[in-house]
Amino acid sequence: MFSKLGILSLLIGFFVGVFSMISKFMNAENFWAGITLSSLSEDLSESLVDAISNVTLHNAVYTLLYEVPLGGVFIGLGVIFFIIALFVKEQ
């Protein structure tokens, strides 16, 4: 199960990354050019970052939501799912 989720996340990350790179290469101002998690829901991202009081955790969440491209998030999620699949026995 986790390996299938990992493969799916890697594929989504690859395609989102490719569309983002093509948009940046063409200097197009569209949805794919600068897509991050915060661009999907600005209000939720802002309230989540403001709710965290610890400075280190606040900076980490801010970086994840506002600076890491969405393709990178999906690729990272796919790698995490693959690592979990190594240690979890599938039935």
PDB file of N, CA and C in Angstrom:
ATOM      1  N   MET A   1       0.822  -1.192   0.000  1.00  0.00           N
ATOM      2  CA  MET A   1       0.000   0.000   0.000  1.00  0.00           C
ATOM      3  C   MET A   1       0.869   1.260   0.000  1.00  0.00           C
ATOM      4  N   PHE A   2       1.866   1.279   0.903  1.00  0.00           N
ATOM      5  CA  PHE A   2       2.710   2.460   0.979  1.00  0.00           C
ATOM      6  C   PHE A   2       3.594   2.600  -0.253  1.00  0.00           C
ATOM      7  N   SER A   3       4.006   1.479  -0.827  1.00  0.00           N
ATOM      8  CA  SER A   3       4.826   1.567  -2.033  1.00  0.00           C
ATOM      9  C   SER A   3       4.002   2.096  -3.210  1.00  0.00           C
ATOM     10  N   LYS A   4       2.726   1.730  -3.280  1.00  0.00           N
ATOM     11  CA  LYS A   4       1.856   2.267  -4.335  1.00  0.00           C
ATOM     12  C   LYS A   4       1.634   3.760  -4.145  1.00  0.00           C
ATOM     13  N   LEU A   5       1.446   4.181  -2.894  1.00  0.00           N
ATOM     14  CA  LEU A   5       1.307   5.617  -2.618  1.00  0.00           C
ATOM     15  C   LEU A   5       2.598   6.358  -2.954  1.00  0.00           C
ATOM     16  N   GLY A   6       3.734   5.722  -2.688  1.00  0.00           N
ATOM     17  CA  GLY A   6       5.020   6.324  -3.017  1.00  0.00           C
ATOM     18  C   GLY A   6       5.187   6.514  -4.512  1.00  0.00           C
ATOM     19  N   ILE A   7       4.830   5.495  -5.282  1.00  0.00           N
ATOM     20  CA  ILE A   7       4.928   5.599  -6.738  1.00  0.00           C
ATOM     21  C   ILE A   7       3.993   6.675  -7.265  1.00  0.00           C
ATOM     22  N   LEU A   8       2.772   6.713  -6.753  1.00  0.00           N
ATOM     23  CA  LEU A   8       1.808   7.728  -7.179  1.00  0.00           C
ATOM     24  C   LEU A   8       2.299   9.134  -6.829  1.00  0.00           C
ATOM     25  N   SER A   9       2.832   9.312  -5.634  1.00  0.00           N
ATOM     26  CA  SER A   9       3.340  10.624  -5.227  1.00  0.00           C
ATOM     27  C   SER A   9       4.524  11.054  -6.081  1.00  0.00           C
ATOM     28  N   LEU A  10       5.413  10.114  -6.397  1.00  0.00           N
ATOM     29  CA  LEU A  10       6.550  10.447  -7.255  1.00  0.00           C
ATOM     30  C   LEU A  10       6.098  10.830  -8.661  1.00  0.00           C
ATOM     31  N   LEU A  11       5.113  10.126  -9.192  1.00  0.00           N
ATOM     32  CA  LEU A  11       4.597  10.477 -10.523  1.00  0.00           C
ATOM     33  C   LEU A  11       3.937  11.850 -10.530  1.00  0.00           C
ATOM     34  N   ILE A  12       3.137  12.120  -9.516  1.00  0.00           N
ATOM     35  CA  ILE A  12       2.490  13.438  -9.420  1.00  0.00           C
ATOM     36  C   ILE A  12       3.548  14.526  -9.285  1.00  0.00           C
ATOM     37  N   GLY A  13       4.545  14.286  -8.431  1.00  0.00           N
ATOM     38  CA  GLY A  13       5.618  15.263  -8.259  1.00  0.00           C
ATOM     39  C   GLY A  13       6.388  15.506  -9.539  1.00  0.00           C
ATOM     40  N   PHE A  14       6.637  14.432 -10.285  1.00  0.00           N
ATOM     41  CA  PHE A  14       7.350  14.573 -11.554  1.00  0.00           C
ATOM     42  C   PHE A  14       6.550  15.417 -12.543  1.00  0.00           C
ATOM     43  N   PHE A  15       5.264  15.117 -12.712  1.00  0.00           N
ATOM     44  CA  PHE A  15       4.461  15.854 -13.680  1.00  0.00           C
ATOM     45  C   PHE A  15       4.238  17.307 -13.261  1.00  0.00           C
ATOM     46  N   VAL A  16       4.011  17.551 -11.987  1.00  0.00           N
ATOM     47  CA  VAL A  16       3.862  18.935 -11.523  1.00  0.00           C
ATOM     48  C   VAL A  16       5.171  19.687 -11.719  1.00  0.00           C
ATOM     49  N   GLY A  17       6.298  19.033 -11.428  1.00  0.00           N
ATOM     50  CA  GLY A  17       7.599  19.667 -11.629  1.00  0.00           C
ATOM     51  C   GLY A  17       7.874  19.978 -13.088  1.00  0.00           C
ATOM     52  N   VAL A  18       7.519  19.052 -13.978  1.00  0.00           N
ATOM     53  CA  VAL A  18       7.732  19.276 -15.409  1.00  0.00           C
ATOM     54  C   VAL A  18       6.880  20.446 -15.902  1.00  0.00           C
ATOM     55  N   PHE A  19       5.599  20.473 -15.520  1.00  0.00           N
ATOM     56  CA  PHE A  19       4.740  21.582 -15.947  1.00  0.00           C
ATOM     57  C   PHE A  19       5.230  22.908 -15.379  1.00  0.00           C
ATOM     58  N   SER A  20       5.725  22.895 -14.156  1.00  0.00           N
ATOM     59  CA  SER A  20       6.251  24.108 -13.543  1.00  0.00           C
ATOM     60  C   SER A  20       7.501  24.593 -14.276  1.00  0.00           C
ATOM     61  N   MET A  21       8.408  23.668 -14.614  1.00  0.00           N
ATOM     62  CA  MET A  21       9.624  24.058 -15.335  1.00  0.00           C
ATOM     63  C   MET A  21       9.313  24.576 -16.726  1.00  0.00           C
ATOM     64  N   ILE A  22       8.356  23.957 -17.404  1.00  0.00           N
ATOM     65  CA  ILE A  22       7.971  24.428 -18.739  1.00  0.00           C
ATOM     66  C   ILE A  22       7.390  25.829 -18.646  1.00  0.00           C
ATOM     67  N   SER A  23       6.559  26.084 -17.652  1.00  0.00           N
ATOM     68  CA  SER A  23       5.967  27.408 -17.482  1.00  0.00           C
ATOM     69  C   SER A  23       7.024  28.458 -17.170  1.00  0.00           C
ATOM     70  N   LYS A  24       7.984  28.117 -16.327  1.00  0.00           N
ATOM     71  CA  LYS A  24       9.059  29.058 -16.011  1.00  0.00           C
ATOM     72  C   LYS A  24       9.939  29.299 -17.227  1.00  0.00           C
ATOM     73  N   PHE A  25      10.217  28.255 -18.014  1.00  0.00           N
ATOM     74  CA  PHE A  25      11.048  28.389 -19.197  1.00  0.00           C
ATOM     75  C   PHE A  25      10.392  29.295 -20.232  1.00  0.00           C
ATOM     76  N   MET A  26       9.074  29.203 -20.367  1.00  0.00           N
ATOM     77  CA  MET A  26       8.346  30.003 -21.337  1.00  0.00           C
ATOM     78  C   MET A  26       7.986  31.388 -20.800  1.00  0.00           C
ATOM     79  N   ASN A  27       8.357  31.690 -19.552  1.00  0.00           N
ATOM     80  CA  ASN A  27       8.012  32.955 -18.894  1.00  0.00           C
ATOM     81  C   ASN A  27       6.511  33.197 -18.887  1.00  0.00           C
ATOM     82  N   ALA A  28       5.759  32.135 -18.700  1.00  0.00           N
ATOM     83  CA  ALA A  28       4.299  32.227 -18.667  1.00  0.00           C
ATOM     84  C   ALA A  28       3.850  32.516 -17.242  1.00  0.00           C
ATOM     85  N   GLU A  29       2.917  33.401 -17.113  1.00  0.00           N
ATOM     86  CA  GLU A  29       2.343  33.732 -15.807  1.00  0.00           C
ATOM     87  C   GLU A  29       1.033  32.963 -15.655  1.00  0.00           C
ATOM     88  N   ASN A  30       1.145  31.698 -15.320  1.00  0.00           N
ATOM     89  CA  ASN A  30      -0.042  30.889 -15.114  1.00  0.00           C
ATOM     90  C   ASN A  30       0.036  30.184 -13.769  1.00  0.00           C
ATOM     91  N   PHE A  31      -0.895  29.301 -13.519  1.00  0.00           N
ATOM     92  CA  PHE A  31      -1.008  28.621 -12.231  1.00  0.00           C
ATOM     93  C   PHE A  31       0.215  27.771 -11.917  1.00  0.00           C
ATOM     94  N   TRP A  32       0.827  27.153 -12.923  1.00  0.00           N
ATOM     95  CA  TRP A  32       1.919  26.214 -12.701  1.00  0.00           C
ATOM     96  C   TRP A  32       3.256  26.900 -12.454  1.00  0.00           C
ATOM     97  N   ALA A  33       3.401  28.168 -12.799  1.00  0.00           N
ATOM     98  CA  ALA A  33       4.705  28.826 -12.762  1.00  0.00           C
ATOM     99  C   ALA A  33       5.306  28.892 -11.368  1.00  0.00           C
ATOM    100  N   GLY A  34       4.527  29.202 -10.366  1.00  0.00           N
ATOM    101  CA  GLY A  34       5.071  29.316  -9.020  1.00  0.00           C
ATOM    102  C   GLY A  34       4.213  28.608  -7.993  1.00  0.00           C
ATOM    103  N   ILE A  35       3.785  27.407  -8.296  1.00  0.00           N
ATOM    104  CA  ILE A  35       2.835  26.715  -7.426  1.00  0.00           C
ATOM    105  C   ILE A  35       3.542  26.172  -6.177  1.00  0.00           C
ATOM    106  N   THR A  36       2.985  26.523  -5.028  1.00  0.00           N
ATOM    107  CA  THR A  36       3.418  26.007  -3.733  1.00  0.00           C
ATOM    108  C   THR A  36       2.171  25.582  -2.967  1.00  0.00           C
ATOM    109  N   LEU A  37       2.367  25.020  -1.775  1.00  0.00           N
ATOM    110  CA  LEU A  37       1.203  24.642  -0.970  1.00  0.00           C
ATOM    111  C   LEU A  37       0.379  25.859  -0.564  1.00  0.00           C
ATOM    112  N   SER A  38       1.028  26.994  -0.361  1.00  0.00           N
ATOM    113  CA  SER A  38       0.291  28.189   0.049  1.00  0.00           C
ATOM    114  C   SER A  38      -0.575  28.744  -1.078  1.00  0.00           C
ATOM    115  N   SER A  39      -0.209  28.471  -2.322  1.00  0.00           N
ATOM    116  CA  SER A  39      -1.023  28.971  -3.430  1.00  0.00           C
ATOM    117  C   SER A  39      -2.339  28.207  -3.556  1.00  0.00           C
ATOM    118  N   LEU A  40      -2.423  27.027  -2.948  1.00  0.00           N
ATOM    119  CA  LEU A  40      -3.664  26.265  -2.986  1.00  0.00           C
ATOM    120  C   LEU A  40      -4.693  26.819  -2.000  1.00  0.00           C
ATOM    121  N   SER A  41      -4.234  27.229  -0.824  1.00  0.00           N
ATOM    122  CA  SER A  41      -5.138  27.795   0.178  1.00  0.00           C
ATOM    123  C   SER A  41      -4.364  28.791   1.026  1.00  0.00           C
ATOM    124  N   GLU A  42      -4.442  30.054   0.656  1.00  0.00           N
ATOM    125  CA  GLU A  42      -3.674  31.108   1.336  1.00  0.00           C
ATOM    126  C   GLU A  42      -4.129  31.310   2.776  1.00  0.00           C
ATOM    127  N   ASP A  43      -5.432  31.302   3.021  1.00  0.00           N
ATOM    128  CA  ASP A  43      -5.937  31.545   4.378  1.00  0.00           C
ATOM    129  C   ASP A  43      -5.541  30.426   5.336  1.00  0.00           C
ATOM    130  N   LEU A  44      -5.649  29.189   4.889  1.00  0.00           N
ATOM    131  CA  LEU A  44      -5.276  28.056   5.726  1.00  0.00           C
ATOM    132  C   LEU A  44      -3.779  28.065   6.023  1.00  0.00           C
ATOM    133  N   SER A  45      -2.971  28.361   5.023  1.00  0.00           N
ATOM    134  CA  SER A  45      -1.521  28.401   5.214  1.00  0.00           C
ATOM    135  C   SER A  45      -1.128  29.493   6.197  1.00  0.00           C
ATOM    136  N   GLU A  46      -1.721  30.658   6.038  1.00  0.00           N
ATOM    137  CA  GLU A  46      -1.403  31.782   6.922  1.00  0.00           C
ATOM    138  C   GLU A  46      -1.811  31.497   8.361  1.00  0.00           C
ATOM    139  N   SER A  47      -2.982  30.906   8.564  1.00  0.00           N
ATOM    140  CA  SER A  47      -3.425  30.609   9.924  1.00  0.00           C
ATOM    141  C   SER A  47      -2.585  29.494  10.551  1.00  0.00           C
ATOM    142  N   LEU A  48      -2.136  28.539   9.748  1.00  0.00           N
ATOM    143  CA  LEU A  48      -1.297  27.463  10.264  1.00  0.00           C
ATOM    144  C   LEU A  48       0.067  27.983  10.698  1.00  0.00           C
ATOM    145  N   VAL A  49       0.663  28.846   9.905  1.00  0.00           N
ATOM    146  CA  VAL A  49       1.968  29.407  10.248  1.00  0.00           C
ATOM    147  C   VAL A  49       1.858  30.310  11.465  1.00  0.00           C
ATOM    148  N   ASP A  50       0.795  31.101  11.558  1.00  0.00           N
ATOM    149  CA  ASP A  50       0.617  32.008  12.694  1.00  0.00           C
ATOM    150  C   ASP A  50       0.300  31.272  13.988  1.00  0.00           C
ATOM    151  N   ALA A  51      -0.249  30.066  13.917  1.00  0.00           N
ATOM    152  CA  ALA A  51      -0.625  29.324  15.119  1.00  0.00           C
ATOM    153  C   ALA A  51       0.574  28.706  15.818  1.00  0.00           C
ATOM    154  N   ILE A  52       1.706  28.593  15.136  1.00  0.00           N
ATOM    155  CA  ILE A  52       2.888  27.949  15.706  1.00  0.00           C
ATOM    156  C   ILE A  52       3.737  29.003  16.402  1.00  0.00           C
ATOM    157  N   SER A  53       4.066  28.756  17.677  1.00  0.00           N
ATOM    158  CA  SER A  53       4.818  29.744  18.445  1.00  0.00           C
ATOM    159  C   SER A  53       6.318  29.445  18.495  1.00  0.00           C
ATOM    160  N   ASN A  54       6.717  28.196  18.363  1.00  0.00           N
ATOM    161  CA  ASN A  54       8.131  27.847  18.398  1.00  0.00           C
ATOM    162  C   ASN A  54       8.813  28.382  17.136  1.00  0.00           C
ATOM    163  N   VAL A  55       9.930  29.084  17.281  1.00  0.00           N
ATOM    164  CA  VAL A  55      10.578  29.756  16.163  1.00  0.00           C
ATOM    165  C   VAL A  55      11.119  28.757  15.138  1.00  0.00           C
ATOM    166  N   THR A  56      11.758  27.697  15.593  1.00  0.00           N
ATOM    167  CA  THR A  56      12.330  26.712  14.668  1.00  0.00           C
ATOM    168  C   THR A  56      11.238  26.009  13.879  1.00  0.00           C
ATOM    169  N   LEU A  57      10.191  25.588  14.562  1.00  0.00           N
ATOM    170  CA  LEU A  57       9.077  24.929  13.888  1.00  0.00           C
ATOM    171  C   LEU A  57       8.342  25.906  12.977  1.00  0.00           C
ATOM    172  N   HIS A  58       8.214  27.151  13.412  1.00  0.00           N
ATOM    173  CA  HIS A  58       7.568  28.187  12.603  1.00  0.00           C
ATOM    174  C   HIS A  58       8.323  28.377  11.289  1.00  0.00           C
ATOM    175  N   ASN A  59       9.649  28.454  11.347  1.00  0.00           N
ATOM    176  CA  ASN A  59      10.455  28.629  10.133  1.00  0.00           C
ATOM    177  C   ASN A  59      10.366  27.421   9.216  1.00  0.00           C
ATOM    178  N   ALA A  60      10.330  26.223   9.789  1.00  0.00           N
ATOM    179  CA  ALA A  60      10.230  25.010   8.977  1.00  0.00           C
ATOM    180  C   ALA A  60       8.889  24.928   8.249  1.00  0.00           C
ATOM    181  N   VAL A  61       7.815  25.233   8.958  1.00  0.00           N
ATOM    182  CA  VAL A  61       6.483  25.191   8.339  1.00  0.00           C
ATOM    183  C   VAL A  61       6.345  26.298   7.296  1.00  0.00           C
ATOM    184  N   TYR A  62       6.899  27.476   7.579  1.00  0.00           N
ATOM    185  CA  TYR A  62       6.856  28.579   6.616  1.00  0.00           C
ATOM    186  C   TYR A  62       7.589  28.190   5.335  1.00  0.00           C
ATOM    187  N   THR A  63       8.760  27.578   5.477  1.00  0.00           N
ATOM    188  CA  THR A  63       9.519  27.147   4.305  1.00  0.00           C
ATOM    189  C   THR A  63       8.757  26.097   3.514  1.00  0.00           C
ATOM    190  N   LEU A  64       8.156  25.132   4.203  1.00  0.00           N
ATOM    191  CA  LEU A  64       7.401  24.082   3.525  1.00  0.00           C
ATOM    192  C   LEU A  64       6.206  24.642   2.771  1.00  0.00           C
ATOM    193  N   LEU A  65       5.490  25.580   3.370  1.00  0.00           N
ATOM    194  CA  LEU A  65       4.262  26.082   2.753  1.00  0.00           C
ATOM    195  C   LEU A  65       4.504  27.155   1.698  1.00  0.00           C
ATOM    196  N   TYR A  66       5.516  28.000   1.889  1.00  0.00           N
ATOM    197  CA  TYR A  66       5.663  29.153   1.006  1.00  0.00           C
ATOM    198  C   TYR A  66       6.836  29.080   0.032  1.00  0.00           C
ATOM    199  N   GLU A  67       7.843  28.255   0.297  1.00  0.00           N
ATOM    200  CA  GLU A  67       9.033  28.294  -0.547  1.00  0.00           C
ATOM    201  C   GLU A  67       9.289  27.013  -1.334  1.00  0.00           C
ATOM    202  N   VAL A  68       8.878  25.866  -0.823  1.00  0.00           N
ATOM    203  CA  VAL A  68       9.124  24.598  -1.510  1.00  0.00           C
ATOM    204  C   VAL A  68       8.069  24.411  -2.604  1.00  0.00           C
ATOM    205  N   PRO A  69       8.502  24.159  -3.844  1.00  0.00           N
ATOM    206  CA  PRO A  69       7.526  23.937  -4.917  1.00  0.00           C
ATOM    207  C   PRO A  69       6.684  22.687  -4.648  1.00  0.00           C
ATOM    208  N   LEU A  70       5.482  22.674  -5.181  1.00  0.00           N
ATOM    209  CA  LEU A  70       4.557  21.566  -4.947  1.00  0.00           C
ATOM    210  C   LEU A  70       5.105  20.244  -5.477  1.00  0.00           C
ATOM    211  N   GLY A  71       5.822  20.273  -6.582  1.00  0.00           N
ATOM    212  CA  GLY A  71       6.432  19.048  -7.098  1.00  0.00           C
ATOM    213  C   GLY A  71       7.437  18.469  -6.117  1.00  0.00           C
ATOM    214  N   GLY A  72       8.199  19.335  -5.468  1.00  0.00           N
ATOM    215  CA  GLY A  72       9.157  18.887  -4.460  1.00  0.00           C
ATOM    216  C   GLY A  72       8.477  18.282  -3.247  1.00  0.00           C
ATOM    217  N   VAL A  73       7.323  18.836  -2.878  1.00  0.00           N
ATOM    218  CA  VAL A  73       6.563  18.279  -1.750  1.00  0.00           C
ATOM    219  C   VAL A  73       6.090  16.871  -2.077  1.00  0.00           C
ATOM    220  N   PHE A  74       5.576  16.671  -3.278  1.00  0.00           N
ATOM    221  CA  PHE A  74       5.104  15.342  -3.672  1.00  0.00           C
ATOM    222  C   PHE A  74       6.254  14.345  -3.796  1.00  0.00           C
ATOM    223  N   ILE A  75       7.389  14.776  -4.298  1.00  0.00           N
ATOM    224  CA  ILE A  75       8.541  13.880  -4.395  1.00  0.00           C
ATOM    225  C   ILE A  75       9.029  13.505  -3.001  1.00  0.00           C
ATOM    226  N   GLY A  76       9.093  14.459  -2.096  1.00  0.00           N
ATOM    227  CA  GLY A  76       9.474  14.163  -0.718  1.00  0.00           C
ATOM    228  C   GLY A  76       8.495  13.225  -0.039  1.00  0.00           C
ATOM    229  N   LEU A  77       7.215  13.434  -0.293  1.00  0.00           N
ATOM    230  CA  LEU A  77       6.190  12.556   0.262  1.00  0.00           C
ATOM    231  C   LEU A  77       6.322  11.137  -0.286  1.00  0.00           C
ATOM    232  N   GLY A  78       6.648  11.015  -1.572  1.00  0.00           N
ATOM    233  CA  GLY A  78       6.858   9.706  -2.171  1.00  0.00           C
ATOM    234  C   GLY A  78       8.039   8.979  -1.557  1.00  0.00           C
ATOM    235  N   VAL A  79       9.111   9.706  -1.288  1.00  0.00           N
ATOM    236  CA  VAL A  79      10.282   9.101  -0.651  1.00  0.00           C
ATOM    237  C   VAL A  79       9.940   8.637   0.760  1.00  0.00           C
ATOM    238  N   ILE A  80       9.178   9.437   1.494  1.00  0.00           N
ATOM    239  CA  ILE A  80       8.755   9.049   2.846  1.00  0.00           C
ATOM    240  C   ILE A  80       7.897   7.791   2.796  1.00  0.00           C
ATOM    241  N   PHE A  81       6.973   7.713   1.832  1.00  0.00           N
ATOM    242  CA  PHE A  81       6.145   6.514   1.694  1.00  0.00           C
ATOM    243  C   PHE A  81       6.991   5.284   1.364  1.00  0.00           C
ATOM    244  N   PHE A  82       8.027   5.448   0.531  1.00  0.00           N
ATOM    245  CA  PHE A  82       8.902   4.321   0.227  1.00  0.00           C
ATOM    246  C   PHE A  82       9.683   3.870   1.456  1.00  0.00           C
ATOM    247  N   ILE A  83      10.129   4.798   2.271  1.00  0.00           N
ATOM    248  CA  ILE A  83      10.847   4.436   3.494  1.00  0.00           C
ATOM    249  C   ILE A  83       9.919   3.702   4.455  1.00  0.00           C
ATOM    250  N   ILE A  84       8.675   4.157   4.580  1.00  0.00           N
ATOM    251  CA  ILE A  84       7.701   3.465   5.425  1.00  0.00           C
ATOM    252  C   ILE A  84       7.429   2.066   4.882  1.00  0.00           C
ATOM    253  N   ALA A  85       7.356   1.936   3.555  1.00  0.00           N
ATOM    254  CA  ALA A  85       7.087   0.622   2.940  1.00  0.00           C
ATOM    255  C   ALA A  85       8.215  -0.365   3.207  1.00  0.00           C
ATOM    256  N   LEU A  86       9.416   0.118   3.436  1.00  0.00           N
ATOM    257  CA  LEU A  86      10.527  -0.790   3.742  1.00  0.00           C
ATOM    258  C   LEU A  86      10.349  -1.472   5.084  1.00  0.00           C
ATOM    259  N   PHE A  87       9.712  -0.789   6.026  1.00  0.00           N
ATOM    260  CA  PHE A  87       9.615  -1.301   7.384  1.00  0.00           C
ATOM    261  C   PHE A  87       8.247  -1.863   7.758  1.00  0.00           C
ATOM    262  N   VAL A  88       7.233  -1.608   6.951  1.00  0.00           N
ATOM    263  CA  VAL A  88       5.882  -2.083   7.247  1.00  0.00           C
ATOM    264  C   VAL A  88       5.598  -3.294   6.382  1.00  0.00           C
ATOM    265  N   LYS A  89       5.182  -4.356   7.011  1.00  0.00           N
ATOM    266  CA  LYS A  89       4.854  -5.582   6.283  1.00  0.00           C
ATOM    267  C   LYS A  89       3.457  -5.452   5.693  1.00  0.00           C
ATOM    268  N   GLU A  90       3.357  -5.693   4.395  1.00  0.00           N
ATOM    269  CA  GLU A  90       2.059  -5.616   3.740  1.00  0.00           C
ATOM    270  C   GLU A  90       1.363  -6.954   3.870  1.00  0.00           C
ATOM    271  N   GLN A  91       0.052  -6.924   3.982  1.00  0.00           N
ATOM    272  CA  GLN A  91      -0.703  -8.151   4.182  1.00  0.00           C
ATOM    273  C   GLN A  91      -1.357  -8.614   2.911  1.00  0.00           C
TER     274      GLN A  91
END
